[in-house]
C-alpha atoms as a PDB file:
ATOM      1  CA  MET A   1     111.090 113.126 107.644  1.00  0.00           C
ATOM      2  CA  PRO A   2     113.447 111.307 110.030  1.00  0.00           C
ATOM      3  CA  GLN A   3     116.436 113.367 110.950  1.00  0.00           C
ATOM      4  CA  PHE A   4     116.163 111.474 114.195  1.00  0.00           C
ATOM      5  CA  LEU A   5     115.456 114.381 116.345  1.00  0.00           C
ATOM      6  CA  ASP A   6     116.930 115.307 119.733  1.00  0.00           C
ATOM      7  CA  SER A   7     117.999 113.124 122.635  1.00  0.00           C
ATOM      8  CA  SER A   8     114.997 113.970 124.825  1.00  0.00           C
ATOM      9  CA  CYS A   9     112.600 111.826 122.794  1.00  0.00           C
ATOM     10  CA  SER A  10     112.240 108.162 121.960  1.00  0.00           C
ATOM     11  CA  CYS A  11     112.413 108.581 118.172  1.00  0.00           C
ATOM     12  CA  PRO A  12     114.882 106.255 116.402  1.00  0.00           C
ATOM     13  CA  ARG A  13     118.313 107.776 115.933  1.00  0.00           C
ATOM     14  CA  ASP A  14     120.331 105.701 113.476  1.00  0.00           C
ATOM     15  CA  GLY A  15     118.783 107.237 110.359  1.00  0.00           C
ATOM     16  CA  TYR A  16     119.107 105.878 106.875  1.00  0.00           C
ATOM     17  CA  SER A  17     122.556 107.130 105.914  1.00  0.00           C
ATOM     18  CA  ALA A  18     124.091 103.642 105.574  1.00  0.00           C
ATOM     19  CA  PHE A  19     121.396 102.592 103.082  1.00  0.00           C
ATOM     20  CA  ASP A  20     121.194 105.917 101.249  1.00  0.00           C
ATOM     21  CA  SER A  21     124.943 106.278 100.681  1.00  0.00           C
ATOM     22  CA  VAL A  22     125.187 102.857  98.988  1.00  0.00           C
ATOM     23  CA  CYS A  23     122.056 103.490  96.936  1.00  0.00           C
ATOM     24  CA  ARG A  24     123.405 106.865  95.744  1.00  0.00           C
ATOM     25  CA  ALA A  25     126.707 105.263  94.753  1.00  0.00           C
ATOM     26  CA  GLU A  26     125.187 102.319  92.881  1.00  0.00           C
ATOM     27  CA  LEU A  27     122.006 103.584  91.208  1.00  0.00           C
ATOM     28  CA  ALA A  28     121.704 106.192  88.488  1.00  0.00           C
ATOM     29  CA  LEU A  29     118.415 107.341  90.058  1.00  0.00           C
ATOM     30  CA  PRO A  30     118.794 106.543  93.759  1.00  0.00           C
ATOM     31  CA  ILE A  31     115.765 105.935  95.944  1.00  0.00           C
ATOM     32  CA  SER A  32     115.924 107.019  99.572  1.00  0.00           C
ATOM     33  CA  ALA A  33     115.049 104.679 102.413  1.00  0.00           C
ATOM     34  CA  ASP A  34     112.759 107.405 103.743  1.00  0.00           C
ATOM     35  CA  ASP A  35     110.719 107.318 100.520  1.00  0.00           C
ATOM     36  CA  ILE A  36     110.445 103.542 100.746  1.00  0.00           C
ATOM     37  CA  VAL A  37     109.585 103.119 104.438  1.00  0.00           C
ATOM     38  CA  ASN A  38     107.856 106.372 105.405  1.00  0.00           C
ATOM     39  CA  ARG A  39     106.311 107.753 102.237  1.00  0.00           C
ATOM     40  CA  SER A  40     105.235 104.695 100.245  1.00  0.00           C
ATOM     41  CA  SER A  41     101.797 104.931  98.675  1.00  0.00           C
ATOM     42  CA  PHE A  42     100.634 101.685 100.337  1.00  0.00           C
ATOM     43  CA  CYS A  43     100.516 101.240 104.087  1.00  0.00           C
ATOM     44  CA  THR A  44      98.115  99.298 106.310  1.00  0.00           C
ATOM     45  CA  SER A  45      97.883  97.698 109.743  1.00  0.00           C
ATOM     46  CA  PHE A  46      96.229  94.460 110.794  1.00  0.00           C
ATOM     47  CA  GLN A  47      96.042  91.874 113.531  1.00  0.00           C
ATOM     48  CA  LEU A  48      95.483  88.337 112.304  1.00  0.00           C
ATOM     49  CA  ASP A  49      93.157  87.251 115.103  1.00  0.00           C
ATOM     50  CA  GLU A  50      90.715  89.951 113.932  1.00  0.00           C
ATOM     51  CA  PHE A  51      90.063  87.752 110.903  1.00  0.00           C
ATOM     52  CA  ASN A  52      89.326  84.583 112.928  1.00  0.00           C
ATOM     53  CA  ASP A  53      85.787  85.707 113.764  1.00  0.00           C
ATOM     54  CA  PRO A  54      83.414  83.804 111.444  1.00  0.00           C
ATOM     55  CA  ASN A  55      80.955  86.722 111.662  1.00  0.00           C
ATOM     56  CA  GLU A  56      83.565  89.162 110.333  1.00  0.00           C
ATOM     57  CA  SER A  57      83.174  89.753 106.606  1.00  0.00           C
ATOM     58  CA  LEU A  58      86.573  91.384 106.035  1.00  0.00           C
ATOM     59  CA  THR A  59      89.583  89.193 105.399  1.00  0.00           C
ATOM     60  CA  LEU A  60      93.297  89.876 105.330  1.00  0.00           C
ATOM     61  CA  ARG A  61      93.044  89.673 101.554  1.00  0.00           C
ATOM     62  CA  ASP A  62      90.604  92.618 101.722  1.00  0.00           C
ATOM     63  CA  PHE A  63      93.101  94.685 103.724  1.00  0.00           C
ATOM     64  CA  LEU A  64      95.878  93.876 101.262  1.00  0.00           C
ATOM     65  CA  TYR A  65      93.746  94.042  98.101  1.00  0.00           C
ATOM     66  CA  GLY A  66      95.472  97.223  96.895  1.00  0.00           C
ATOM     67  CA  LEU A  67      98.554  95.069  96.292  1.00  0.00           C
ATOM     68  CA  LYS A  68      96.829  92.732  93.837  1.00  0.00           C
ATOM     69  CA  GLY A  69      99.035  92.324  90.759  1.00  0.00           C
ATOM     70  CA  LYS A  70     101.738  94.673  92.070  1.00  0.00           C
ATOM     71  CA  VAL A  71     105.445  93.957  92.320  1.00  0.00           C
ATOM     72  CA  GLY A  72     107.960  95.785  94.469  1.00  0.00           C
ATOM     73  CA  ILE A  73     109.495  95.773  97.917  1.00  0.00           C
ATOM     74  CA  TYR A  74     107.467  95.433 101.106  1.00  0.00           C
ATOM     75  CA  HIS A  75     108.253  95.616 104.796  1.00  0.00           C
ATOM     76  CA  ILE A  76     106.464  94.162 107.791  1.00  0.00           C
ATOM     77  CA  TRP A  77     106.601  96.292 110.947  1.00  0.00           C
ATOM     78  CA  VAL A  78     105.788  96.133 114.645  1.00  0.00           C
ATOM     79  CA  GLN A  79     105.339  99.176 116.808  1.00  0.00           C
ATOM     80  CA  GLU A  80     108.313  99.645 119.094  1.00  0.00           C
ATOM     81  CA  ASP A  81     107.667 103.023 120.691  1.00  0.00           C
ATOM     82  CA  TYR A  82     105.712 106.248 120.535  1.00  0.00           C
ATOM     83  CA  CYS A  83     107.288 109.689 120.887  1.00  0.00           C
ATOM     84  CA  TYR A  84     104.769 111.963 122.598  1.00  0.00           C
ATOM     85  CA  GLU A  85     106.874 115.032 121.879  1.00  0.00           C
ATOM     86  CA  HIS A  86     106.798 114.567 118.094  1.00  0.00           C
ATOM     87  CA  ARG A  87     103.668 112.381 117.900  1.00  0.00           C
ATOM     88  CA  ILE A  88     105.538 109.780 115.908  1.00  0.00           C
ATOM     89  CA  TYR A  89     105.224 106.013 116.062  1.00  0.00           C
ATOM     90  CA  SER A  90     108.530 104.200 115.892  1.00  0.00           C
ATOM     91  CA  MET A  91     107.982 101.042 113.836  1.00  0.00           C
ATOM     92  CA  LEU A  92     110.646  98.307 113.858  1.00  0.00           C
ATOM     93  CA  GLY A  93     111.172  96.470 110.570  1.00  0.00           C
ATOM     94  CA  ILE A  94     110.916  92.713 111.132  1.00  0.00           C
ATOM     95  CA  TYR A  95     110.810  91.548 107.502  1.00  0.00           C
ATOM     96  CA  ALA A  96     111.876  92.844 104.104  1.00  0.00           C
ATOM     97  CA  GLY A  97     110.624  91.097 100.994  1.00  0.00           C
ATOM     98  CA  LYS A  98     110.127  91.543  97.283  1.00  0.00           C
ATOM     99  CA  GLY A  99     108.008  90.241  94.471  1.00  0.00           C
ATOM    100  CA  ASP A 100     104.248  89.765  94.123  1.00  0.00           C
ATOM    101  CA  ALA A 101     103.371  91.475  97.398  1.00  0.00           C
ATOM    102  CA  LEU A 102      99.815  90.194  97.887  1.00  0.00           C
ATOM    103  CA  THR A 103     100.742  86.540  97.402  1.00  0.00           C
ATOM    104  CA  ARG A 104     103.883  86.803  99.523  1.00  0.00           C
ATOM    105  CA  LEU A 105     102.216  88.658 102.420  1.00  0.00           C
ATOM    106  CA  LEU A 106      99.301  86.204 102.550  1.00  0.00           C
ATOM    107  CA  SER A 107     101.854  83.387 102.706  1.00  0.00           C
ATOM    108  CA  HIS A 108     103.837  85.133 105.477  1.00  0.00           C
ATOM    109  CA  ALA A 109     100.639  85.636 107.468  1.00  0.00           C
ATOM    110  CA  LYS A 110     100.090  81.881 107.482  1.00  0.00           C
ATOM    111  CA  SER A 111     103.655  80.827 108.201  1.00  0.00           C
ATOM    112  CA  LYS A 112     105.560  83.610 109.997  1.00  0.00           C
ATOM    113  CA  LEU A 113     103.210  85.943 111.868  1.00  0.00           C
ATOM    114  CA  PRO A 114     101.539  85.300 115.224  1.00  0.00           C
ATOM    115  CA  ASP A 115      97.795  85.961 115.484  1.00  0.00           C
ATOM    116  CA  ASN A 116      97.862  88.304 118.467  1.00  0.00           C
ATOM    117  CA  GLU A 117     100.345  90.946 117.284  1.00  0.00           C
ATOM    118  CA  LEU A 118      99.496  94.184 115.488  1.00  0.00           C
ATOM    119  CA  PHE A 119     101.501  94.464 112.258  1.00  0.00           C
ATOM    120  CA  GLY A 120     102.085  97.253 109.821  1.00  0.00           C
ATOM    121  CA  VAL A 121     102.867  96.682 106.163  1.00  0.00           C
ATOM    122  CA  SER A 122     104.338  99.151 103.711  1.00  0.00           C
ATOM    123  CA  PHE A 123     104.883  98.581 100.014  1.00  0.00           C
ATOM    124  CA  PHE A 124     106.967 100.451  97.459  1.00  0.00           C
ATOM    125  CA  GLU A 125     106.097  99.589  93.860  1.00  0.00           C
ATOM    126  CA  CYS A 126     109.007  99.171  91.454  1.00  0.00           C
ATOM    127  CA  GLU A 127     110.244  96.819  88.755  1.00  0.00           C
ATOM    128  CA  ASN A 128     111.191  93.356  89.956  1.00  0.00           C
ATOM    129  CA  ARG A 129     114.930  93.794  89.247  1.00  0.00           C
ATOM    130  CA  ILE A 130     114.965  97.025  91.293  1.00  0.00           C
ATOM    131  CA  ALA A 131     113.001  95.309  94.080  1.00  0.00           C
ATOM    132  CA  LYS A 132     115.633  92.542  94.159  1.00  0.00           C
ATOM    133  CA  TYR A 133     118.401  95.134  94.464  1.00  0.00           C
ATOM    134  CA  LEU A 134     116.570  97.116  97.174  1.00  0.00           C
ATOM    135  CA  GLU A 135     115.695  94.020  99.172  1.00  0.00           C
ATOM    136  CA  GLN A 136     119.321  92.869  99.194  1.00  0.00           C
ATOM    137  CA  LEU A 137     120.557  96.332 100.143  1.00  0.00           C
ATOM    138  CA  PHE A 138     118.095  96.404 103.056  1.00  0.00           C
ATOM    139  CA  LEU A 139     119.223  92.909 104.109  1.00  0.00           C
ATOM    140  CA  ASP A 140     122.902  93.877 103.835  1.00  0.00           C
ATOM    141  CA  THR A 141     122.345  96.996 105.935  1.00  0.00           C
ATOM    142  CA  TYR A 142     119.656  96.104 108.489  1.00  0.00           C
ATOM    143  CA  SER A 143     118.855  93.095 110.638  1.00  0.00           C
ATOM    144  CA  PHE A 144     115.307  91.750 110.281  1.00  0.00           C
ATOM    145  CA  HIS A 145     114.040  89.270 112.850  1.00  0.00           C
ATOM    146  CA  LEU A 146     112.014  87.203 110.363  1.00  0.00           C
ATOM    147  CA  ASN A 147     114.482  87.201 107.452  1.00  0.00           C
ATOM    148  CA  GLU A 148     116.483  84.043 107.895  1.00  0.00           C
ATOM    149  CA  ASN A 149     118.591  84.002 104.723  1.00  0.00           C
ATOM    150  CA  GLU A 150     121.057  86.492 103.285  1.00  0.00           C
ATOM    151  CA  ASN A 151     120.576  88.966 106.153  1.00  0.00           C
ATOM    152  CA  PRO A 152     124.060  90.027 107.341  1.00  0.00           C
ATOM    153  CA  GLY A 153     122.900  93.566 108.293  1.00  0.00           C
ATOM    154  CA  LEU A 154     123.512  94.746 111.832  1.00  0.00           C
ATOM    155  CA  LEU A 155     121.464  97.943 112.155  1.00  0.00           C
ATOM    156  CA  HIS A 156     117.773  98.077 112.993  1.00  0.00           C
ATOM    157  CA  LEU A 157     115.418  99.646 110.465  1.00  0.00           C
ATOM    158  CA  TYR A 158     112.796 101.988 111.848  1.00  0.00           C
ATOM    159  CA  ALA A 159     109.929 103.700 110.135  1.00  0.00           C
ATOM    160  CA  CYS A 160     108.603 106.897 111.677  1.00  0.00           C
ATOM    161  CA  TRP A 161     104.865 107.168 111.080  1.00  0.00           C
ATOM    162  CA  ASP A 162     102.449 109.812 112.255  1.00  0.00           C
ATOM    163  CA  GLU A 163      99.215 108.719 113.887  1.00  0.00           C
ATOM    164  CA  GLU A 164      97.156 108.857 110.704  1.00  0.00           C
ATOM    165  CA  ARG A 165      99.575 106.618 108.797  1.00  0.00           C
ATOM    166  CA  ARG A 166      99.929 104.211 111.738  1.00  0.00           C
ATOM    167  CA  ILE A 167      96.229 103.891 112.559  1.00  0.00           C
ATOM    168  CA  MET A 168      94.480 104.566 109.251  1.00  0.00           C
ATOM    169  CA  GLY A 169      97.151 103.641 106.720  1.00  0.00           C
ATOM    170  CA  THR A 170      96.553 104.485 103.085  1.00  0.00           C
ATOM    171  CA  GLU A 171      94.055 101.737 102.321  1.00  0.00           C
ATOM    172  CA  LEU A 172      91.138 102.329 104.682  1.00  0.00           C
ATOM    173  CA  HIS A 173      89.118 104.164 102.032  1.00  0.00           C
ATOM    174  CA  ASN A 174      89.828 101.433  99.457  1.00  0.00           C
ATOM    175  CA  VAL A 175      88.862  98.654 101.877  1.00  0.00           C
ATOM    176  CA  SER A 176      85.646 100.382 102.965  1.00  0.00           C
ATOM    177  CA  ASN A 177      84.596 101.044  99.351  1.00  0.00           C
ATOM    178  CA  ARG A 178      85.437  97.601  98.054  1.00  0.00           C
ATOM    179  CA  PRO A 179      82.319  95.666  97.110  1.00  0.00           C
ATOM    180  CA  ASN A 180      81.948  92.418  98.991  1.00  0.00           C
ATOM    181  CA  ALA A 181      84.051  90.050  96.969  1.00  0.00           C
ATOM    182  CA  PRO A 182      83.656  86.321  97.241  1.00  0.00           C
ATOM    183  CA  ARG A 183      86.186  84.803  99.603  1.00  0.00           C
ATOM    184  CA  GLY A 184      89.211  83.565  97.766  1.00  0.00           C
ATOM    185  CA  GLU A 185      89.182  86.300  95.127  1.00  0.00           C
END
């Protein structure tokens, strides 16, 4: 997807070559940054203050339910720009993490994320040892505003999402079909 297009648009231009070249050199079966950030099978958007309404039956846990029991690498994003020419949302990576994604993201929502911002989340499922490697490679390559430790990277990581991925994500069908679960499940 991102070949970071021409200079007349606002699409991100630094690409993923720094990440991809290291991954190709170090892994027997390299994974591209594009596959992780733009093509992952899990992607959703949320705004925390939407869940503060006591009359609202959906919770953040409902939006992230597809991550239950899954391990891998996840990213938290904010929208930085929109390219009208290519109809692509430029999403800035503000956090890279690994592990039990549901538990970790619920924790981040309580401690790191403001209520009034719209966030995107993407998740790439992989074995924990691969997730540890990928997380560190992302931290070594890119700077993430909310990662405070072991983040010497200098580049900014951008995802390029079309409108459907940005607005609908991959989980809308799963959330709408989920039976009302008791809170706390």
